[in-house]
Amino acid sequence: MTRKKGKLEEILSKALYADNPQLYTVSYRDFESVVEVSLLEFLKISENFDVIPASRIIVVSKGGQELYRKFRGTYRN
């Protein structure tokens, strides 16, 4: 039995394989601050999630439209 992809995994998969990944931005938790970078930059600096796990992603946007938001702790708006 295969597991179902989560919402974040679906968005990232679509961005990378069925859309233009340059249109996507990722905001992630870096210690006590939030850093926003392009999806491609995030994959580069995270070394494909080895250095920065997907669990630290807070927001994924495409062209200014928020596609994913993690509601947890002080990051909730």
PDB file of N, CA and C in Angstrom:
ATOM      1  N   MET A   1       0.841  -1.180   0.000  1.00  0.00           N
ATOM      2  CA  MET A   1       0.000   0.000   0.000  1.00  0.00           C
ATOM      3  C   MET A   1       0.884   1.241   0.000  1.00  0.00           C
ATOM      4  N   THR A   2       0.598   2.174  -0.899  1.00  0.00           N
ATOM      5  CA  THR A   2       1.384   3.395  -0.977  1.00  0.00           C
ATOM      6  C   THR A   2       0.754   4.467  -0.096  1.00  0.00           C
ATOM      7  N   ARG A   3       1.615   5.345   0.423  1.00  0.00           N
ATOM      8  CA  ARG A   3       1.089   6.404   1.279  1.00  0.00           C
ATOM      9  C   ARG A   3       0.676   7.597   0.417  1.00  0.00           C
ATOM     10  N   LYS A   4      -0.294   8.331   0.902  1.00  0.00           N
ATOM     11  CA  LYS A   4      -0.796   9.501   0.214  1.00  0.00           C
ATOM     12  C   LYS A   4       0.129  10.687   0.500  1.00  0.00           C
ATOM     13  N   LYS A   5       0.412  11.483  -0.528  1.00  0.00           N
ATOM     14  CA  LYS A   5       1.237  12.672  -0.341  1.00  0.00           C
ATOM     15  C   LYS A   5       0.490  13.704   0.482  1.00  0.00           C
ATOM     16  N   GLY A   6       1.239  14.426   1.315  1.00  0.00           N
ATOM     17  CA  GLY A   6       0.663  15.535   2.067  1.00  0.00           C
ATOM     18  C   GLY A   6       0.531  16.753   1.174  1.00  0.00           C
ATOM     19  N   LYS A   7      -0.153  17.780   1.667  1.00  0.00           N
ATOM     20  CA  LYS A   7      -0.389  18.982   0.866  1.00  0.00           C
ATOM     21  C   LYS A   7       0.921  19.651   0.459  1.00  0.00           C
ATOM     22  N   LEU A   8       1.857  19.802   1.398  1.00  0.00           N
ATOM     23  CA  LEU A   8       3.140  20.432   1.077  1.00  0.00           C
ATOM     24  C   LEU A   8       3.883  19.632   0.019  1.00  0.00           C
ATOM     25  N   GLU A   9       3.931  18.335   0.175  1.00  0.00           N
ATOM     26  CA  GLU A   9       4.618  17.465  -0.783  1.00  0.00           C
ATOM     27  C   GLU A   9       3.982  17.561  -2.171  1.00  0.00           C
ATOM     28  N   GLU A  10       2.665  17.644  -2.228  1.00  0.00           N
ATOM     29  CA  GLU A  10       1.956  17.779  -3.515  1.00  0.00           C
ATOM     30  C   GLU A  10       2.322  19.103  -4.191  1.00  0.00           C
ATOM     31  N   ILE A  11       2.333  20.191  -3.426  1.00  0.00           N
ATOM     32  CA  ILE A  11       2.642  21.511  -3.989  1.00  0.00           C
ATOM     33  C   ILE A  11       4.067  21.541  -4.526  1.00  0.00           C
ATOM     34  N   LEU A  12       5.026  21.030  -3.745  1.00  0.00           N
ATOM     35  CA  LEU A  12       6.428  21.041  -4.182  1.00  0.00           C
ATOM     36  C   LEU A  12       6.632  20.146  -5.397  1.00  0.00           C
ATOM     37  N   SER A  13       5.980  19.003  -5.430  1.00  0.00           N
ATOM     38  CA  SER A  13       6.090  18.091  -6.561  1.00  0.00           C
ATOM     39  C   SER A  13       5.541  18.748  -7.823  1.00  0.00           C
ATOM     40  N   LYS A  14       4.375  19.381  -7.718  1.00  0.00           N
ATOM     41  CA  LYS A  14       3.779  20.059  -8.869  1.00  0.00           C
ATOM     42  C   LYS A  14       4.686  21.185  -9.352  1.00  0.00           C
ATOM     43  N   ALA A  15       5.222  21.959  -8.404  1.00  0.00           N
ATOM     44  CA  ALA A  15       6.091  23.085  -8.753  1.00  0.00           C
ATOM     45  C   ALA A  15       7.321  22.617  -9.524  1.00  0.00           C
ATOM     46  N   LEU A  16       7.899  21.522  -9.090  1.00  0.00           N
ATOM     47  CA  LEU A  16       9.145  21.048  -9.700  1.00  0.00           C
ATOM     48  C   LEU A  16       8.943  20.292 -11.015  1.00  0.00           C
ATOM     49  N   TYR A  17       7.843  19.571 -11.134  1.00  0.00           N
ATOM     50  CA  TYR A  17       7.700  18.667 -12.279  1.00  0.00           C
ATOM     51  C   TYR A  17       6.591  19.028 -13.258  1.00  0.00           C
ATOM     52  N   ALA A  18       5.660  19.912 -12.871  1.00  0.00           N
ATOM     53  CA  ALA A  18       4.546  20.224 -13.770  1.00  0.00           C
ATOM     54  C   ALA A  18       4.334  21.721 -13.942  1.00  0.00           C
ATOM     55  N   ASP A  19       5.194  22.535 -13.360  1.00  0.00           N
ATOM     56  CA  ASP A  19       5.031  23.983 -13.414  1.00  0.00           C
ATOM     57  C   ASP A  19       6.411  24.627 -13.501  1.00  0.00           C
ATOM     58  N   ASN A  20       6.457  25.932 -13.415  1.00  0.00           N
ATOM     59  CA  ASN A  20       7.718  26.673 -13.432  1.00  0.00           C
ATOM     60  C   ASN A  20       8.148  26.923 -11.988  1.00  0.00           C
ATOM     61  N   PRO A  21       9.167  26.220 -11.488  1.00  0.00           N
ATOM     62  CA  PRO A  21       9.575  26.370 -10.085  1.00  0.00           C
ATOM     63  C   PRO A  21      10.104  27.764  -9.748  1.00  0.00           C
ATOM     64  N   GLN A  22      10.449  28.554 -10.760  1.00  0.00           N
ATOM     65  CA  GLN A  22      10.946  29.908 -10.506  1.00  0.00           C
ATOM     66  C   GLN A  22       9.851  30.842 -10.014  1.00  0.00           C
ATOM     67  N   LEU A  23       8.592  30.436 -10.150  1.00  0.00           N
ATOM     68  CA  LEU A  23       7.474  31.257  -9.703  1.00  0.00           C
ATOM     69  C   LEU A  23       7.155  31.076  -8.224  1.00  0.00           C
ATOM     70  N   TYR A  24       7.794  30.114  -7.569  1.00  0.00           N
ATOM     71  CA  TYR A  24       7.468  29.744  -6.195  1.00  0.00           C
ATOM     72  C   TYR A  24       8.482  30.314  -5.206  1.00  0.00           C
ATOM     73  N   THR A  25       7.975  30.745  -4.045  1.00  0.00           N
ATOM     74  CA  THR A  25       8.842  31.165  -2.947  1.00  0.00           C
ATOM     75  C   THR A  25       8.524  30.325  -1.714  1.00  0.00           C
ATOM     76  N   VAL A  26       9.545  30.151  -0.886  1.00  0.00           N
ATOM     77  CA  VAL A  26       9.427  29.357   0.333  1.00  0.00           C
ATOM     78  C   VAL A  26       9.876  30.215   1.507  1.00  0.00           C
ATOM     79  N   SER A  27       9.080  30.243   2.556  1.00  0.00           N
ATOM     80  CA  SER A  27       9.478  30.882   3.815  1.00  0.00           C
ATOM     81  C   SER A  27       9.710  29.766   4.819  1.00  0.00           C
ATOM     82  N   TYR A  28      10.863  29.783   5.453  1.00  0.00           N
ATOM     83  CA  TYR A  28      11.188  28.720   6.403  1.00  0.00           C
ATOM     84  C   TYR A  28      11.772  29.306   7.680  1.00  0.00           C
ATOM     85  N   ARG A  29      11.655  28.549   8.746  1.00  0.00           N
ATOM     86  CA  ARG A  29      12.156  28.944  10.060  1.00  0.00           C
ATOM     87  C   ARG A  29      13.653  28.690  10.126  1.00  0.00           C
ATOM     88  N   ASP A  30      14.406  29.732  10.487  1.00  0.00           N
ATOM     89  CA  ASP A  30      15.850  29.624  10.665  1.00  0.00           C
ATOM     90  C   ASP A  30      16.169  30.181  12.046  1.00  0.00           C
ATOM     91  N   PHE A  31      16.250  29.301  13.023  1.00  0.00           N
ATOM     92  CA  PHE A  31      16.378  29.681  14.424  1.00  0.00           C
ATOM     93  C   PHE A  31      15.188  30.544  14.815  1.00  0.00           C
ATOM     94  N   GLU A  32      15.394  31.805  15.204  1.00  0.00           N
ATOM     95  CA  GLU A  32      14.292  32.654  15.654  1.00  0.00           C
ATOM     96  C   GLU A  32      13.763  33.581  14.561  1.00  0.00           C
ATOM     97  N   SER A  33      14.227  33.430  13.339  1.00  0.00           N
ATOM     98  CA  SER A  33      13.752  34.292  12.256  1.00  0.00           C
ATOM     99  C   SER A  33      13.117  33.448  11.151  1.00  0.00           C
ATOM    100  N   VAL A  34      12.468  34.153  10.234  1.00  0.00           N
ATOM    101  CA  VAL A  34      11.861  33.513   9.073  1.00  0.00           C
ATOM    102  C   VAL A  34      12.573  34.051   7.842  1.00  0.00           C
ATOM    103  N   VAL A  35      13.007  33.140   6.971  1.00  0.00           N
ATOM    104  CA  VAL A  35      13.737  33.500   5.763  1.00  0.00           C
ATOM    105  C   VAL A  35      12.870  33.153   4.558  1.00  0.00           C
ATOM    106  N   GLU A  36      12.779  34.069   3.598  1.00  0.00           N
ATOM    107  CA  GLU A  36      12.027  33.828   2.373  1.00  0.00           C
ATOM    108  C   GLU A  36      12.985  33.783   1.192  1.00  0.00           C
ATOM    109  N   VAL A  37      12.936  32.698   0.432  1.00  0.00           N
ATOM    110  CA  VAL A  37      13.785  32.511  -0.738  1.00  0.00           C
ATOM    111  C   VAL A  37      12.967  31.840  -1.841  1.00  0.00           C
ATOM    112  N   SER A  38      13.513  31.812  -3.049  1.00  0.00           N
ATOM    113  CA  SER A  38      12.848  31.097  -4.132  1.00  0.00           C
ATOM    114  C   SER A  38      12.906  29.592  -3.848  1.00  0.00           C
ATOM    115  N   LEU A  39      12.010  28.851  -4.446  1.00  0.00           N
ATOM    116  CA  LEU A  39      11.994  27.401  -4.251  1.00  0.00           C
ATOM    117  C   LEU A  39      13.311  26.774  -4.682  1.00  0.00           C
ATOM    118  N   LEU A  40      13.828  27.176  -5.825  1.00  0.00           N
ATOM    119  CA  LEU A  40      15.092  26.608  -6.305  1.00  0.00           C
ATOM    120  C   LEU A  40      16.248  26.931  -5.371  1.00  0.00           C
ATOM    121  N   GLU A  41      16.256  28.149  -4.818  1.00  0.00           N
ATOM    122  CA  GLU A  41      17.300  28.529  -3.851  1.00  0.00           C
ATOM    123  C   GLU A  41      17.156  27.698  -2.580  1.00  0.00           C
ATOM    124  N   PHE A  42      15.918  27.495  -2.128  1.00  0.00           N
ATOM    125  CA  PHE A  42      15.691  26.684  -0.937  1.00  0.00           C
ATOM    126  C   PHE A  42      16.226  25.264  -1.137  1.00  0.00           C
ATOM    127  N   LEU A  43      15.941  24.673  -2.278  1.00  0.00           N
ATOM    128  CA  LEU A  43      16.413  23.305  -2.541  1.00  0.00           C
ATOM    129  C   LEU A  43      17.940  23.254  -2.560  1.00  0.00           C
ATOM    130  N   LYS A  44      18.549  24.312  -3.072  1.00  0.00           N
ATOM    131  CA  LYS A  44      20.016  24.369  -3.116  1.00  0.00           C
ATOM    132  C   LYS A  44      20.609  24.482  -1.715  1.00  0.00           C
ATOM    133  N   ILE A  45      20.122  25.437  -0.907  1.00  0.00           N
ATOM    134  CA  ILE A  45      20.710  25.634   0.420  1.00  0.00           C
ATOM    135  C   ILE A  45      20.316  24.536   1.399  1.00  0.00           C
ATOM    136  N   SER A  46      19.174  23.915   1.167  1.00  0.00           N
ATOM    137  CA  SER A  46      18.753  22.825   2.057  1.00  0.00           C
ATOM    138  C   SER A  46      19.348  21.489   1.631  1.00  0.00           C
ATOM    139  N   GLU A  47      20.060  21.505   0.509  1.00  0.00           N
ATOM    140  CA  GLU A  47      20.640  20.277  -0.062  1.00  0.00           C
ATOM    141  C   GLU A  47      19.565  19.199  -0.170  1.00  0.00           C
ATOM    142  N   ASN A  48      18.467  19.585  -0.858  1.00  0.00           N
ATOM    143  CA  ASN A  48      17.308  18.698  -1.062  1.00  0.00           C
ATOM    144  C   ASN A  48      16.776  18.137   0.249  1.00  0.00           C
ATOM    145  N   PHE A  49      16.581  19.021   1.215  1.00  0.00           N
ATOM    146  CA  PHE A  49      15.985  18.733   2.525  1.00  0.00           C
ATOM    147  C   PHE A  49      16.917  18.001   3.484  1.00  0.00           C
ATOM    148  N   ASP A  50      18.193  17.860   3.166  1.00  0.00           N
ATOM    149  CA  ASP A  50      19.136  17.219   4.091  1.00  0.00           C
ATOM    150  C   ASP A  50      19.556  18.167   5.214  1.00  0.00           C
ATOM    151  N   VAL A  51      19.788  19.432   4.891  1.00  0.00           N
ATOM    152  CA  VAL A  51      20.247  20.410   5.874  1.00  0.00           C
ATOM    153  C   VAL A  51      19.063  21.114   6.545  1.00  0.00           C
ATOM    154  N   ILE A  52      18.055  21.469   5.744  1.00  0.00           N
ATOM    155  CA  ILE A  52      16.848  22.115   6.258  1.00  0.00           C
ATOM    156  C   ILE A  52      15.674  21.197   5.908  1.00  0.00           C
ATOM    157  N   PRO A  53      15.075  20.558   6.900  1.00  0.00           N
ATOM    158  CA  PRO A  53      13.971  19.637   6.611  1.00  0.00           C
ATOM    159  C   PRO A  53      12.688  20.376   6.214  1.00  0.00           C
ATOM    160  N   ALA A  54      11.832  19.697   5.504  1.00  0.00           N
ATOM    161  CA  ALA A  54      10.557  20.278   5.071  1.00  0.00           C
ATOM    162  C   ALA A  54       9.700  20.715   6.248  1.00  0.00           C
ATOM    163  N   SER A  55       9.914  20.135   7.414  1.00  0.00           N
ATOM    164  CA  SER A  55       9.126  20.497   8.596  1.00  0.00           C
ATOM    165  C   SER A  55       9.370  21.938   9.037  1.00  0.00           C
ATOM    166  N   ARG A  56      10.438  22.583   8.560  1.00  0.00           N
ATOM    167  CA  ARG A  56      10.714  23.982   8.906  1.00  0.00           C
ATOM    168  C   ARG A  56      10.109  24.962   7.911  1.00  0.00           C
ATOM    169  N   ILE A  57       9.458  24.446   6.861  1.00  0.00           N
ATOM    170  CA  ILE A  57       8.784  25.317   5.898  1.00  0.00           C
ATOM    171  C   ILE A  57       7.501  25.836   6.531  1.00  0.00           C
ATOM    172  N   ILE A  58       7.319  27.154   6.454  1.00  0.00           N
ATOM    173  CA  ILE A  58       6.145  27.791   7.040  1.00  0.00           C
ATOM    174  C   ILE A  58       5.134  28.169   5.960  1.00  0.00           C
ATOM    175  N   VAL A  59       5.625  28.761   4.857  1.00  0.00           N
ATOM    176  CA  VAL A  59       4.741  29.230   3.793  1.00  0.00           C
ATOM    177  C   VAL A  59       5.354  28.892   2.433  1.00  0.00           C
ATOM    178  N   VAL A  60       4.490  28.482   1.496  1.00  0.00           N
ATOM    179  CA  VAL A  60       4.877  28.338   0.097  1.00  0.00           C
ATOM    180  C   VAL A  60       3.903  29.189  -0.709  1.00  0.00           C
ATOM    181  N   SER A  61       4.453  30.069  -1.557  1.00  0.00           N
ATOM    182  CA  SER A  61       3.638  30.962  -2.374  1.00  0.00           C
ATOM    183  C   SER A  61       4.016  30.836  -3.837  1.00  0.00           C
ATOM    184  N   LYS A  62       3.055  31.163  -4.681  1.00  0.00           N
ATOM    185  CA  LYS A  62       3.306  31.217  -6.124  1.00  0.00           C
ATOM    186  C   LYS A  62       2.761  32.539  -6.622  1.00  0.00           C
ATOM    187  N   GLY A  63       3.645  33.385  -7.138  1.00  0.00           N
ATOM    188  CA  GLY A  63       3.223  34.677  -7.664  1.00  0.00           C
ATOM    189  C   GLY A  63       2.452  35.514  -6.671  1.00  0.00           C
ATOM    190  N   GLY A  64       2.827  35.471  -5.405  1.00  0.00           N
ATOM    191  CA  GLY A  64       2.170  36.256  -4.378  1.00  0.00           C
ATOM    192  C   GLY A  64       0.951  35.590  -3.752  1.00  0.00           C
ATOM    193  N   GLN A  65       0.512  34.466  -4.324  1.00  0.00           N
ATOM    194  CA  GLN A  65      -0.633  33.751  -3.755  1.00  0.00           C
ATOM    195  C   GLN A  65      -0.139  32.636  -2.844  1.00  0.00           C
ATOM    196  N   GLU A  66      -0.597  32.651  -1.609  1.00  0.00           N
ATOM    197  CA  GLU A  66      -0.201  31.645  -0.629  1.00  0.00           C
ATOM    198  C   GLU A  66      -0.867  30.304  -0.942  1.00  0.00           C
ATOM    199  N   LEU A  67      -0.046  29.269  -1.135  1.00  0.00           N
ATOM    200  CA  LEU A  67      -0.563  27.936  -1.446  1.00  0.00           C
ATOM    201  C   LEU A  67      -0.548  27.017  -0.233  1.00  0.00           C
ATOM    202  N   TYR A  68       0.375  27.278   0.685  1.00  0.00           N
ATOM    203  CA  TYR A  68       0.535  26.436   1.867  1.00  0.00           C
ATOM    204  C   TYR A  68       0.958  27.312   3.032  1.00  0.00           C
ATOM    205  N   ARG A  69       0.384  27.073   4.206  1.00  0.00           N
ATOM    206  CA  ARG A  69       0.811  27.741   5.436  1.00  0.00           C
ATOM    207  C   ARG A  69       0.739  26.727   6.567  1.00  0.00           C
ATOM    208  N   LYS A  70       1.803  26.676   7.315  1.00  0.00           N
ATOM    209  CA  LYS A  70       1.871  25.798   8.477  1.00  0.00           C
ATOM    210  C   LYS A  70       1.358  26.581   9.679  1.00  0.00           C
ATOM    211  N   PHE A  71       0.302  26.117  10.286  1.00  0.00           N
ATOM    212  CA  PHE A  71      -0.267  26.797  11.454  1.00  0.00           C
ATOM    213  C   PHE A  71       0.265  26.147  12.713  1.00  0.00           C
ATOM    214  N   ARG A  72       1.298  26.762  13.270  1.00  0.00           N
ATOM    215  CA  ARG A  72       1.887  26.220  14.484  1.00  0.00           C
ATOM    216  C   ARG A  72       2.632  27.314  15.226  1.00  0.00           C
ATOM    217  N   GLY A  73       2.479  27.360  16.519  1.00  0.00           N
ATOM    218  CA  GLY A  73       3.259  28.287  17.350  1.00  0.00           C
ATOM    219  C   GLY A  73       3.023  29.741  17.022  1.00  0.00           C
ATOM    220  N   THR A  74       4.090  30.535  17.056  1.00  0.00           N
ATOM    221  CA  THR A  74       3.993  31.985  16.878  1.00  0.00           C
ATOM    222  C   THR A  74       3.903  32.401  15.427  1.00  0.00           C
ATOM    223  N   TYR A  75       3.903  31.483  14.487  1.00  0.00           N
ATOM    224  CA  TYR A  75       3.906  31.819  13.075  1.00  0.00           C
ATOM    225  C   TYR A  75       2.507  31.961  12.506  1.00  0.00           C
ATOM    226  N   ARG A  76       1.504  31.727  13.313  1.00  0.00           N
ATOM    227  CA  ARG A  76       0.131  31.824  12.840  1.00  0.00           C
ATOM    228  C   ARG A  76      -0.288  33.288  12.766  1.00  0.00           C
ATOM    229  N   ASN A  77      -0.891  33.667  11.655  1.00  0.00           N
ATOM    230  CA  ASN A  77      -1.379  35.049  11.473  1.00  0.00           C
ATOM    231  C   ASN A  77      -2.865  35.118  11.695  1.00  0.00           C
TER     232      ASN A  77
END
